[in-house]
Amino acid sequence: MSRILYYTILILLIIHLSLLAQFAGGSGTEADPWLIRTPENLDSLRYYLGADNADKYYKQIADIDLGVAPWNVGEGWEPIGRDSTFFMGDYDGDGFKIENLFINRPDEDYIGLFGSIQNANLSHIGLVEAAISGRRYVGALAGVSPNGSGIITECYLKSSGMVYGEDYTGGLVGSRSCYWVESDWNSNNKIK
């Protein structure tokens, strides 16, 4: 075998193994979701954003504590998906908790565990003891779900901390904005 072919195969094998190491198992399909056990596994979701990854599935298999460095120092957690780079996959927390979510980004928008989601399914996610600060579109679970396109089921926030933002801020989700049919609005932009 030529040296070039040998090194090419070796490099491809290393890349393949490093991609598998991002998660605790699984293949990302509905029948075999990628398994999320650690903060590092959870952080890896940010590499699977946008429409090209809308068919990816994730399942949490243990409680995750984000109250350790580097997740709880400086600005804290970097939200998964920001602005128009949406998380579009299917994340099942399976009833496990994500504890001590800390985000300190008072001058930034799209703040939450997920900054922005679109056509995503988030289910069975428990957030416990969160302290979150952002500017606009701030929520513990998701900063924004434009046009109400994400499906969020059986998720909760239980915290003595705070979720703070200047505009479009909510406890679990900052904004689930939606389009209104033009005929539903009167001339003063109020629902008839």
N, C-alpha and C. Protein backbone atom coordinates (compact mmCIF):
# COMPACT_ATOMS: atom_id res chain seq x y z
N MET A 1 0.85 -1.16 0.00
CA MET A 1 0.00 0.00 0.00
C MET A 1 0.90 1.24 0.00
N SER A 2 0.54 2.21 -0.78
CA SER A 2 1.37 3.41 -0.84
C SER A 2 1.26 4.20 0.46
N ARG A 3 2.28 4.95 0.72
CA ARG A 3 2.32 5.75 1.93
C ARG A 3 1.19 6.78 1.98
N ILE A 4 0.88 7.39 0.85
CA ILE A 4 -0.19 8.40 0.79
C ILE A 4 -1.52 7.77 1.14
N LEU A 5 -1.81 6.61 0.57
CA LEU A 5 -3.06 5.92 0.88
C LEU A 5 -3.12 5.53 2.35
N TYR A 6 -2.02 5.04 2.88
CA TYR A 6 -1.95 4.66 4.29
C TYR A 6 -2.27 5.87 5.19
N TYR A 7 -1.64 7.00 4.93
CA TYR A 7 -1.87 8.19 5.75
C TYR A 7 -3.28 8.75 5.56
N THR A 8 -3.82 8.66 4.36
CA THR A 8 -5.20 9.10 4.11
C THR A 8 -6.18 8.27 4.92
N ILE A 9 -6.02 6.96 4.92
CA ILE A 9 -6.89 6.07 5.70
C ILE A 9 -6.74 6.37 7.18
N LEU A 10 -5.52 6.57 7.65
CA LEU A 10 -5.28 6.87 9.05
C LEU A 10 -5.96 8.18 9.46
N ILE A 11 -5.85 9.20 8.64
CA ILE A 11 -6.48 10.49 8.94
C ILE A 11 -8.00 10.36 8.97
N LEU A 12 -8.57 9.67 8.00
CA LEU A 12 -10.02 9.46 7.98
C LEU A 12 -10.50 8.67 9.19
N LEU A 13 -9.73 7.69 9.62
CA LEU A 13 -10.07 6.92 10.81
C LEU A 13 -10.04 7.81 12.06
N ILE A 14 -9.05 8.65 12.18
CA ILE A 14 -8.95 9.56 13.32
C ILE A 14 -10.13 10.53 13.33
N ILE A 15 -10.47 11.09 12.18
CA ILE A 15 -11.61 12.00 12.10
C ILE A 15 -12.89 11.27 12.49
N HIS A 16 -13.09 10.08 11.98
CA HIS A 16 -14.29 9.30 12.30
C HIS A 16 -14.37 9.01 13.81
N LEU A 17 -13.27 8.58 14.40
CA LEU A 17 -13.27 8.28 15.83
C LEU A 17 -13.49 9.53 16.67
N SER A 18 -12.96 10.68 16.24
CA SER A 18 -13.17 11.90 17.01
C SER A 18 -14.63 12.35 16.95
N LEU A 19 -15.30 12.12 15.81
CA LEU A 19 -16.72 12.44 15.73
C LEU A 19 -17.54 11.53 16.64
N LEU A 20 -17.18 10.25 16.70
CA LEU A 20 -17.89 9.33 17.58
C LEU A 20 -17.68 9.69 19.05
N ALA A 21 -16.51 10.23 19.38
CA ALA A 21 -16.19 10.56 20.77
C ALA A 21 -16.98 11.76 21.28
N GLN A 22 -17.64 12.50 20.38
CA GLN A 22 -18.41 13.66 20.80
C GLN A 22 -19.60 13.26 21.67
N PHE A 23 -20.08 12.05 21.49
CA PHE A 23 -21.26 11.59 22.20
C PHE A 23 -20.95 10.29 22.93
N ALA A 24 -21.85 9.91 23.84
CA ALA A 24 -21.64 8.70 24.64
C ALA A 24 -22.10 7.45 23.92
N GLY A 25 -22.51 7.58 22.68
CA GLY A 25 -22.97 6.45 21.88
C GLY A 25 -24.03 6.90 20.90
N GLY A 26 -24.56 5.97 20.14
CA GLY A 26 -25.62 6.25 19.19
C GLY A 26 -25.09 6.70 17.85
N SER A 27 -26.02 6.81 16.89
CA SER A 27 -25.65 7.23 15.54
C SER A 27 -26.39 8.47 15.06
N GLY A 28 -27.26 9.04 15.92
CA GLY A 28 -27.96 10.27 15.56
C GLY A 28 -29.27 10.08 14.85
N THR A 29 -29.72 8.83 14.72
CA THR A 29 -30.99 8.55 14.06
C THR A 29 -32.11 8.48 15.10
N GLU A 30 -33.34 8.46 14.62
CA GLU A 30 -34.48 8.35 15.54
C GLU A 30 -34.42 7.03 16.32
N ALA A 31 -34.05 5.95 15.66
CA ALA A 31 -33.98 4.64 16.31
C ALA A 31 -32.75 4.49 17.20
N ASP A 32 -31.70 5.26 16.94
CA ASP A 32 -30.44 5.15 17.67
C ASP A 32 -29.85 6.56 17.90
N PRO A 33 -30.51 7.35 18.78
CA PRO A 33 -30.07 8.74 18.96
C PRO A 33 -28.68 8.84 19.58
N TRP A 34 -28.01 9.95 19.30
CA TRP A 34 -26.74 10.21 19.98
C TRP A 34 -27.03 10.38 21.46
N LEU A 35 -26.20 9.81 22.30
CA LEU A 35 -26.42 9.80 23.74
C LEU A 35 -25.61 10.91 24.40
N ILE A 36 -26.29 11.64 25.29
CA ILE A 36 -25.70 12.79 25.97
C ILE A 36 -25.58 12.45 27.45
N ARG A 37 -24.33 12.36 27.94
CA ARG A 37 -24.07 12.01 29.33
C ARG A 37 -23.31 13.10 30.09
N THR A 38 -22.50 13.89 29.39
CA THR A 38 -21.60 14.85 30.03
C THR A 38 -21.80 16.25 29.46
N PRO A 39 -21.27 17.27 30.16
CA PRO A 39 -21.31 18.62 29.59
C PRO A 39 -20.65 18.69 28.21
N GLU A 40 -19.58 17.93 28.02
CA GLU A 40 -18.89 17.92 26.73
C GLU A 40 -19.78 17.34 25.63
N ASN A 41 -20.53 16.28 25.96
CA ASN A 41 -21.48 15.73 24.98
C ASN A 41 -22.53 16.78 24.62
N LEU A 42 -23.07 17.45 25.64
CA LEU A 42 -24.09 18.48 25.42
C LEU A 42 -23.53 19.63 24.58
N ASP A 43 -22.31 20.03 24.87
CA ASP A 43 -21.66 21.11 24.13
C ASP A 43 -21.49 20.75 22.66
N SER A 44 -21.36 19.48 22.34
CA SER A 44 -21.15 19.05 20.96
C SER A 44 -22.36 19.29 20.06
N LEU A 45 -23.54 19.53 20.63
CA LEU A 45 -24.71 19.81 19.81
C LEU A 45 -24.49 21.03 18.92
N ARG A 46 -23.65 21.97 19.36
CA ARG A 46 -23.45 23.20 18.59
C ARG A 46 -22.80 22.94 17.23
N TYR A 47 -22.27 21.76 17.02
CA TYR A 47 -21.67 21.42 15.73
C TYR A 47 -22.68 20.80 14.77
N TYR A 48 -23.94 20.73 15.20
CA TYR A 48 -24.99 20.11 14.40
C TYR A 48 -26.19 21.05 14.30
N LEU A 49 -25.96 22.22 13.72
CA LEU A 49 -26.99 23.24 13.60
C LEU A 49 -27.45 23.35 12.15
N GLY A 50 -28.60 23.98 11.97
CA GLY A 50 -29.10 24.27 10.64
C GLY A 50 -29.88 23.13 10.01
N ALA A 51 -30.42 23.41 8.83
CA ALA A 51 -31.30 22.47 8.13
C ALA A 51 -30.60 21.16 7.78
N ASP A 52 -29.29 21.20 7.56
CA ASP A 52 -28.56 19.97 7.24
C ASP A 52 -28.57 18.97 8.39
N ASN A 53 -28.90 19.43 9.58
CA ASN A 53 -28.90 18.57 10.76
C ASN A 53 -30.28 18.46 11.42
N ALA A 54 -31.31 18.80 10.68
CA ALA A 54 -32.67 18.75 11.21
C ALA A 54 -33.13 17.33 11.48
N ASP A 55 -32.46 16.35 10.91
CA ASP A 55 -32.86 14.96 11.09
C ASP A 55 -32.04 14.24 12.17
N LYS A 56 -31.36 15.00 13.03
CA LYS A 56 -30.52 14.41 14.07
C LYS A 56 -31.31 14.29 15.38
N TYR A 57 -31.05 13.20 16.10
CA TYR A 57 -31.74 12.91 17.35
C TYR A 57 -30.72 12.74 18.47
N TYR A 58 -31.09 13.26 19.66
CA TYR A 58 -30.22 13.23 20.83
C TYR A 58 -31.05 12.79 22.03
N LYS A 59 -30.42 12.01 22.92
CA LYS A 59 -31.13 11.56 24.12
C LYS A 59 -30.18 11.67 25.31
N GLN A 60 -30.63 12.38 26.33
CA GLN A 60 -29.84 12.54 27.55
C GLN A 60 -29.97 11.28 28.39
N ILE A 61 -28.85 10.78 28.92
CA ILE A 61 -28.89 9.51 29.66
C ILE A 61 -28.39 9.65 31.09
N ALA A 62 -28.16 10.88 31.56
CA ALA A 62 -27.70 11.11 32.93
C ALA A 62 -27.94 12.57 33.28
N ASP A 63 -27.98 12.86 34.57
CA ASP A 63 -28.01 14.26 35.00
C ASP A 63 -26.69 14.91 34.60
N ILE A 64 -26.75 16.17 34.20
CA ILE A 64 -25.57 16.91 33.77
C ILE A 64 -25.41 18.14 34.65
N ASP A 65 -24.24 18.31 35.24
CA ASP A 65 -23.94 19.46 36.09
C ASP A 65 -23.03 20.42 35.34
N LEU A 66 -23.56 21.60 35.03
CA LEU A 66 -22.78 22.63 34.35
C LEU A 66 -22.14 23.60 35.35
N GLY A 67 -22.18 23.26 36.64
CA GLY A 67 -21.64 24.13 37.69
C GLY A 67 -20.15 23.94 37.93
N VAL A 68 -19.43 23.57 36.89
CA VAL A 68 -17.98 23.38 36.99
C VAL A 68 -17.32 24.09 35.80
N ALA A 69 -16.04 24.44 35.97
CA ALA A 69 -15.30 25.11 34.90
C ALA A 69 -15.18 24.17 33.70
N PRO A 70 -15.24 24.66 32.51
CA PRO A 70 -15.32 26.07 32.10
C PRO A 70 -16.75 26.59 31.96
N TRP A 71 -17.74 25.78 32.30
CA TRP A 71 -19.15 26.13 32.05
C TRP A 71 -19.69 27.17 33.02
N ASN A 72 -19.04 27.39 34.17
CA ASN A 72 -19.59 28.30 35.18
C ASN A 72 -18.69 29.49 35.47
N VAL A 73 -17.74 29.80 34.61
CA VAL A 73 -16.84 30.93 34.81
C VAL A 73 -16.97 31.92 33.66
N GLY A 74 -16.59 33.16 33.91
CA GLY A 74 -16.65 34.20 32.88
C GLY A 74 -18.07 34.39 32.38
N GLU A 75 -18.26 34.24 31.07
CA GLU A 75 -19.59 34.38 30.47
C GLU A 75 -20.42 33.11 30.62
N GLY A 76 -19.80 32.04 31.08
CA GLY A 76 -20.52 30.78 31.28
C GLY A 76 -20.83 30.07 29.98
N TRP A 77 -21.95 29.37 29.98
CA TRP A 77 -22.37 28.54 28.87
C TRP A 77 -22.56 29.37 27.61
N GLU A 78 -22.04 28.89 26.49
CA GLU A 78 -22.29 29.49 25.17
C GLU A 78 -23.55 28.83 24.62
N PRO A 79 -24.62 29.61 24.39
CA PRO A 79 -25.87 29.01 23.91
C PRO A 79 -25.67 28.22 22.62
N ILE A 80 -26.44 27.16 22.49
CA ILE A 80 -26.41 26.31 21.30
C ILE A 80 -27.32 26.96 20.27
N GLY A 81 -26.75 27.41 19.16
CA GLY A 81 -27.53 28.10 18.13
C GLY A 81 -27.73 29.56 18.52
N ARG A 82 -27.40 30.44 17.62
CA ARG A 82 -27.55 31.87 17.89
C ARG A 82 -28.15 32.53 16.66
N ASP A 83 -28.95 33.56 16.87
CA ASP A 83 -29.51 34.37 15.80
C ASP A 83 -30.16 33.46 14.77
N SER A 84 -29.65 33.41 13.56
CA SER A 84 -30.28 32.62 12.50
C SER A 84 -29.59 31.27 12.28
N THR A 85 -28.67 30.90 13.17
CA THR A 85 -28.04 29.58 13.11
C THR A 85 -28.77 28.70 14.13
N PHE A 86 -29.86 28.11 13.70
CA PHE A 86 -30.79 27.44 14.61
C PHE A 86 -30.39 26.00 14.93
N PHE A 87 -30.73 25.60 16.17
CA PHE A 87 -30.76 24.17 16.48
C PHE A 87 -32.08 23.66 15.93
N MET A 88 -32.03 22.62 15.11
CA MET A 88 -33.24 22.13 14.44
C MET A 88 -33.47 20.64 14.68
N GLY A 89 -32.73 20.04 15.62
CA GLY A 89 -32.83 18.62 15.86
C GLY A 89 -33.90 18.25 16.88
N ASP A 90 -33.81 17.03 17.37
CA ASP A 90 -34.75 16.48 18.34
C ASP A 90 -33.96 16.10 19.59
N TYR A 91 -34.20 16.81 20.71
CA TYR A 91 -33.48 16.54 21.95
C TYR A 91 -34.45 16.05 23.01
N ASP A 92 -34.24 14.83 23.49
CA ASP A 92 -35.06 14.23 24.54
C ASP A 92 -34.23 14.17 25.81
N GLY A 93 -34.61 14.97 26.81
CA GLY A 93 -33.91 14.96 28.09
C GLY A 93 -34.20 13.71 28.90
N ASP A 94 -35.20 12.93 28.52
CA ASP A 94 -35.56 11.67 29.15
C ASP A 94 -35.76 11.80 30.66
N GLY A 95 -36.15 12.99 31.10
CA GLY A 95 -36.42 13.20 32.52
C GLY A 95 -35.20 13.51 33.37
N PHE A 96 -34.03 13.52 32.76
CA PHE A 96 -32.81 13.86 33.51
C PHE A 96 -32.69 15.37 33.62
N LYS A 97 -31.89 15.81 34.58
CA LYS A 97 -31.73 17.24 34.85
C LYS A 97 -30.46 17.78 34.21
N ILE A 98 -30.51 19.07 33.90
CA ILE A 98 -29.33 19.85 33.58
C ILE A 98 -29.26 20.89 34.70
N GLU A 99 -28.25 20.77 35.54
CA GLU A 99 -28.15 21.59 36.74
C GLU A 99 -27.12 22.70 36.59
N ASN A 100 -27.38 23.81 37.31
CA ASN A 100 -26.43 24.91 37.45
C ASN A 100 -26.04 25.57 36.14
N LEU A 101 -27.02 25.77 35.26
CA LEU A 101 -26.78 26.48 34.01
C LEU A 101 -26.47 27.94 34.35
N PHE A 102 -25.31 28.42 33.95
CA PHE A 102 -24.87 29.79 34.22
C PHE A 102 -24.52 30.47 32.91
N ILE A 103 -25.20 31.59 32.63
CA ILE A 103 -24.91 32.39 31.44
C ILE A 103 -24.88 33.85 31.87
N ASN A 104 -23.77 34.51 31.64
CA ASN A 104 -23.62 35.93 31.99
C ASN A 104 -23.19 36.69 30.74
N ARG A 105 -24.17 37.02 29.90
CA ARG A 105 -23.91 37.70 28.62
C ARG A 105 -24.91 38.84 28.47
N PRO A 106 -24.84 39.86 29.37
CA PRO A 106 -25.85 40.92 29.40
C PRO A 106 -25.90 41.79 28.15
N ASP A 107 -24.90 41.75 27.31
CA ASP A 107 -24.89 42.56 26.09
C ASP A 107 -25.16 41.73 24.84
N GLU A 108 -25.59 40.48 25.01
CA GLU A 108 -25.81 39.59 23.88
C GLU A 108 -27.26 39.15 23.79
N ASP A 109 -27.68 38.80 22.58
CA ASP A 109 -29.03 38.33 22.31
C ASP A 109 -29.02 36.81 22.10
N TYR A 110 -30.22 36.21 22.13
CA TYR A 110 -30.42 34.78 21.90
C TYR A 110 -29.68 33.97 22.97
N ILE A 111 -30.17 34.08 24.18
CA ILE A 111 -29.50 33.51 25.34
C ILE A 111 -30.39 32.45 25.99
N GLY A 112 -29.83 31.29 26.24
CA GLY A 112 -30.48 30.19 26.91
C GLY A 112 -29.63 28.95 26.70
N LEU A 113 -30.05 27.82 27.22
CA LEU A 113 -29.34 26.58 26.92
C LEU A 113 -29.22 26.46 25.40
N PHE A 114 -30.35 26.68 24.71
CA PHE A 114 -30.39 26.82 23.26
C PHE A 114 -30.66 28.30 22.99
N GLY A 115 -29.81 28.94 22.21
CA GLY A 115 -30.02 30.35 21.90
C GLY A 115 -31.20 30.55 20.97
N SER A 116 -31.24 29.77 19.89
CA SER A 116 -32.36 29.85 18.96
C SER A 116 -32.64 28.46 18.38
N ILE A 117 -33.92 28.14 18.35
CA ILE A 117 -34.37 26.85 17.81
C ILE A 117 -35.38 27.11 16.70
N GLN A 118 -35.43 26.23 15.75
CA GLN A 118 -36.44 26.33 14.70
C GLN A 118 -36.79 24.91 14.27
N ASN A 119 -38.08 24.61 14.27
CA ASN A 119 -38.55 23.27 13.92
C ASN A 119 -37.88 22.18 14.76
N ALA A 120 -37.41 22.53 15.93
CA ALA A 120 -36.78 21.57 16.83
C ALA A 120 -37.83 20.96 17.74
N ASN A 121 -37.52 19.78 18.26
CA ASN A 121 -38.35 19.16 19.28
C ASN A 121 -37.51 19.05 20.54
N LEU A 122 -37.93 19.73 21.60
CA LEU A 122 -37.26 19.66 22.89
C LEU A 122 -38.25 19.06 23.87
N SER A 123 -37.88 17.94 24.49
CA SER A 123 -38.83 17.28 25.38
C SER A 123 -38.13 16.74 26.63
N HIS A 124 -38.90 16.67 27.71
CA HIS A 124 -38.50 16.03 28.96
C HIS A 124 -37.18 16.58 29.52
N ILE A 125 -36.97 17.90 29.39
CA ILE A 125 -35.74 18.54 29.86
C ILE A 125 -36.04 19.27 31.16
N GLY A 126 -35.29 18.95 32.20
CA GLY A 126 -35.43 19.63 33.47
C GLY A 126 -34.21 20.51 33.74
N LEU A 127 -34.43 21.80 33.89
CA LEU A 127 -33.36 22.73 34.22
C LEU A 127 -33.50 23.09 35.70
N VAL A 128 -32.43 22.87 36.45
CA VAL A 128 -32.47 23.10 37.89
C VAL A 128 -31.35 24.07 38.27
N GLU A 129 -31.70 25.10 39.00
CA GLU A 129 -30.75 26.12 39.47
C GLU A 129 -30.00 26.79 38.32
N ALA A 130 -30.72 27.68 37.64
CA ALA A 130 -30.15 28.43 36.53
C ALA A 130 -29.98 29.90 36.92
N ALA A 131 -28.93 30.52 36.44
CA ALA A 131 -28.70 31.95 36.60
C ALA A 131 -28.30 32.47 35.22
N ILE A 132 -29.22 33.24 34.61
CA ILE A 132 -29.05 33.61 33.21
C ILE A 132 -29.27 35.11 33.03
N SER A 133 -28.35 35.73 32.30
CA SER A 133 -28.44 37.14 32.00
C SER A 133 -28.10 37.37 30.54
N GLY A 134 -28.98 38.08 29.83
CA GLY A 134 -28.77 38.42 28.44
C GLY A 134 -29.46 39.73 28.13
N ARG A 135 -29.47 40.13 26.88
CA ARG A 135 -30.10 41.39 26.50
C ARG A 135 -31.50 41.15 25.93
N ARG A 136 -31.59 40.54 24.77
CA ARG A 136 -32.88 40.28 24.13
C ARG A 136 -32.98 38.80 23.79
N TYR A 137 -34.21 38.30 23.80
CA TYR A 137 -34.49 36.88 23.52
C TYR A 137 -33.73 36.01 24.53
N VAL A 138 -34.23 36.04 25.75
CA VAL A 138 -33.57 35.35 26.86
C VAL A 138 -34.57 34.42 27.54
N GLY A 139 -34.20 33.15 27.66
CA GLY A 139 -34.99 32.17 28.39
C GLY A 139 -34.07 31.05 28.83
N ALA A 140 -34.42 30.36 29.89
CA ALA A 140 -33.53 29.31 30.41
C ALA A 140 -33.35 28.18 29.39
N LEU A 141 -34.43 27.72 28.78
CA LEU A 141 -34.33 26.63 27.81
C LEU A 141 -33.95 27.16 26.43
N ALA A 142 -34.65 28.18 25.96
CA ALA A 142 -34.39 28.72 24.62
C ALA A 142 -34.62 30.21 24.60
N GLY A 143 -33.73 30.93 23.94
CA GLY A 143 -33.89 32.37 23.81
C GLY A 143 -35.03 32.71 22.86
N VAL A 144 -35.09 32.01 21.72
CA VAL A 144 -36.14 32.31 20.75
C VAL A 144 -36.49 31.06 19.95
N SER A 145 -37.77 30.95 19.65
CA SER A 145 -38.29 29.95 18.72
C SER A 145 -39.11 30.75 17.71
N PRO A 146 -38.46 31.26 16.66
CA PRO A 146 -39.18 32.15 15.75
C PRO A 146 -40.39 31.49 15.12
N ASN A 147 -41.44 32.28 15.06
CA ASN A 147 -42.71 31.85 14.48
C ASN A 147 -43.30 30.65 15.21
N GLY A 148 -42.89 30.45 16.47
CA GLY A 148 -43.42 29.34 17.26
C GLY A 148 -43.17 27.99 16.63
N SER A 149 -42.07 27.88 15.87
CA SER A 149 -41.85 26.68 15.07
C SER A 149 -41.28 25.50 15.84
N GLY A 150 -40.78 25.72 17.04
CA GLY A 150 -40.25 24.62 17.83
C GLY A 150 -41.34 23.98 18.67
N ILE A 151 -41.21 22.70 18.93
CA ILE A 151 -42.16 22.00 19.80
C ILE A 151 -41.45 21.72 21.11
N ILE A 152 -42.02 22.21 22.19
CA ILE A 152 -41.44 22.04 23.52
C ILE A 152 -42.48 21.33 24.38
N THR A 153 -42.13 20.13 24.87
CA THR A 153 -43.08 19.36 25.68
C THR A 153 -42.42 18.87 26.95
N GLU A 154 -43.16 18.96 28.04
CA GLU A 154 -42.77 18.43 29.34
C GLU A 154 -41.36 18.86 29.77
N CYS A 155 -41.08 20.16 29.61
CA CYS A 155 -39.82 20.74 30.07
C CYS A 155 -40.13 21.68 31.23
N TYR A 156 -39.16 21.86 32.12
CA TYR A 156 -39.41 22.74 33.26
C TYR A 156 -38.13 23.42 33.72
N LEU A 157 -38.34 24.50 34.48
CA LEU A 157 -37.26 25.24 35.13
C LEU A 157 -37.60 25.30 36.61
N LYS A 158 -36.69 24.85 37.46
CA LYS A 158 -36.86 24.92 38.90
C LYS A 158 -35.59 25.56 39.45
N SER A 159 -35.72 26.82 39.88
CA SER A 159 -34.51 27.55 40.23
C SER A 159 -34.79 28.66 41.22
N SER A 160 -33.83 28.90 42.09
CA SER A 160 -33.88 30.08 42.95
C SER A 160 -33.08 31.21 42.33
N GLY A 161 -32.48 30.94 41.17
CA GLY A 161 -31.71 31.95 40.45
C GLY A 161 -32.64 32.83 39.63
N MET A 162 -32.08 33.48 38.63
CA MET A 162 -32.88 34.42 37.84
C MET A 162 -32.66 34.20 36.36
N VAL A 163 -33.63 34.67 35.59
CA VAL A 163 -33.51 34.78 34.15
C VAL A 163 -33.76 36.25 33.86
N TYR A 164 -32.71 36.97 33.44
CA TYR A 164 -32.81 38.41 33.26
C TYR A 164 -32.49 38.80 31.82
N GLY A 165 -33.29 39.72 31.28
CA GLY A 165 -33.05 40.29 29.97
C GLY A 165 -33.83 41.58 29.84
N GLU A 166 -33.47 42.39 28.85
CA GLU A 166 -34.13 43.67 28.65
C GLU A 166 -35.43 43.54 27.87
N ASP A 167 -35.44 42.71 26.83
CA ASP A 167 -36.61 42.55 25.98
C ASP A 167 -36.78 41.08 25.61
N TYR A 168 -38.03 40.67 25.41
CA TYR A 168 -38.35 39.31 24.97
C TYR A 168 -37.70 38.28 25.89
N THR A 169 -38.04 38.38 27.17
CA THR A 169 -37.47 37.50 28.18
C THR A 169 -38.57 36.70 28.84
N GLY A 170 -38.33 35.41 29.02
CA GLY A 170 -39.27 34.56 29.72
C GLY A 170 -38.54 33.56 30.57
N GLY A 171 -39.22 32.91 31.48
CA GLY A 171 -38.57 31.94 32.34
C GLY A 171 -38.00 30.76 31.57
N LEU A 172 -38.82 30.10 30.78
CA LEU A 172 -38.37 28.94 30.01
C LEU A 172 -37.95 29.31 28.60
N VAL A 173 -38.77 30.14 27.92
CA VAL A 173 -38.48 30.56 26.54
C VAL A 173 -38.65 32.07 26.46
N GLY A 174 -37.67 32.74 25.86
CA GLY A 174 -37.73 34.20 25.75
C GLY A 174 -38.83 34.66 24.83
N SER A 175 -38.91 34.11 23.63
CA SER A 175 -39.92 34.53 22.66
C SER A 175 -40.27 33.36 21.76
N ARG A 176 -41.57 33.16 21.62
CA ARG A 176 -42.08 32.19 20.64
C ARG A 176 -42.92 32.98 19.66
N SER A 177 -42.30 33.97 19.01
CA SER A 177 -43.02 34.87 18.11
C SER A 177 -43.66 34.08 16.99
N CYS A 178 -44.74 34.65 16.46
CA CYS A 178 -45.40 33.98 15.36
C CYS A 178 -45.96 35.01 14.39
N TYR A 179 -46.17 34.59 13.16
CA TYR A 179 -46.80 35.45 12.18
C TYR A 179 -48.30 35.43 12.41
N TRP A 180 -48.92 36.58 12.21
CA TRP A 180 -50.36 36.66 12.29
C TRP A 180 -50.89 36.82 10.88
N VAL A 181 -52.01 36.20 10.60
CA VAL A 181 -52.66 36.41 9.31
C VAL A 181 -53.09 37.86 9.26
N GLU A 182 -52.84 38.52 8.13
CA GLU A 182 -53.08 39.96 8.03
C GLU A 182 -54.50 40.34 8.42
N SER A 183 -55.47 39.53 8.11
CA SER A 183 -56.86 39.86 8.42
C SER A 183 -57.14 39.84 9.92
N ASP A 184 -56.24 39.25 10.74
CA ASP A 184 -56.45 39.22 12.18
C ASP A 184 -56.07 40.53 12.85
N TRP A 185 -55.50 41.43 12.11
CA TRP A 185 -55.01 42.68 12.70
C TRP A 185 -55.88 43.84 12.22
N ASN A 186 -56.16 44.75 13.15
CA ASN A 186 -56.86 45.96 12.71
C ASN A 186 -55.83 47.03 12.42
N SER A 187 -56.24 48.23 12.11
CA SER A 187 -55.31 49.29 11.71
C SER A 187 -54.37 49.71 12.84
N ASN A 188 -54.71 49.42 14.08
CA ASN A 188 -53.86 49.78 15.22
C ASN A 188 -52.99 48.60 15.68
N ASN A 189 -52.89 47.57 14.85
CA ASN A 189 -52.10 46.37 15.16
C ASN A 189 -52.55 45.69 16.44
N LYS A 190 -53.83 45.69 16.67
CA LYS A 190 -54.39 44.96 17.81
C LYS A 190 -55.29 43.87 17.26
N ILE A 191 -55.32 42.76 17.93
CA ILE A 191 -56.18 41.67 17.47
C ILE A 191 -57.63 42.10 17.59
N LYS A 192 -58.42 41.83 16.58
CA LYS A 192 -59.85 42.21 16.57
C LYS A 192 -60.63 41.44 17.59
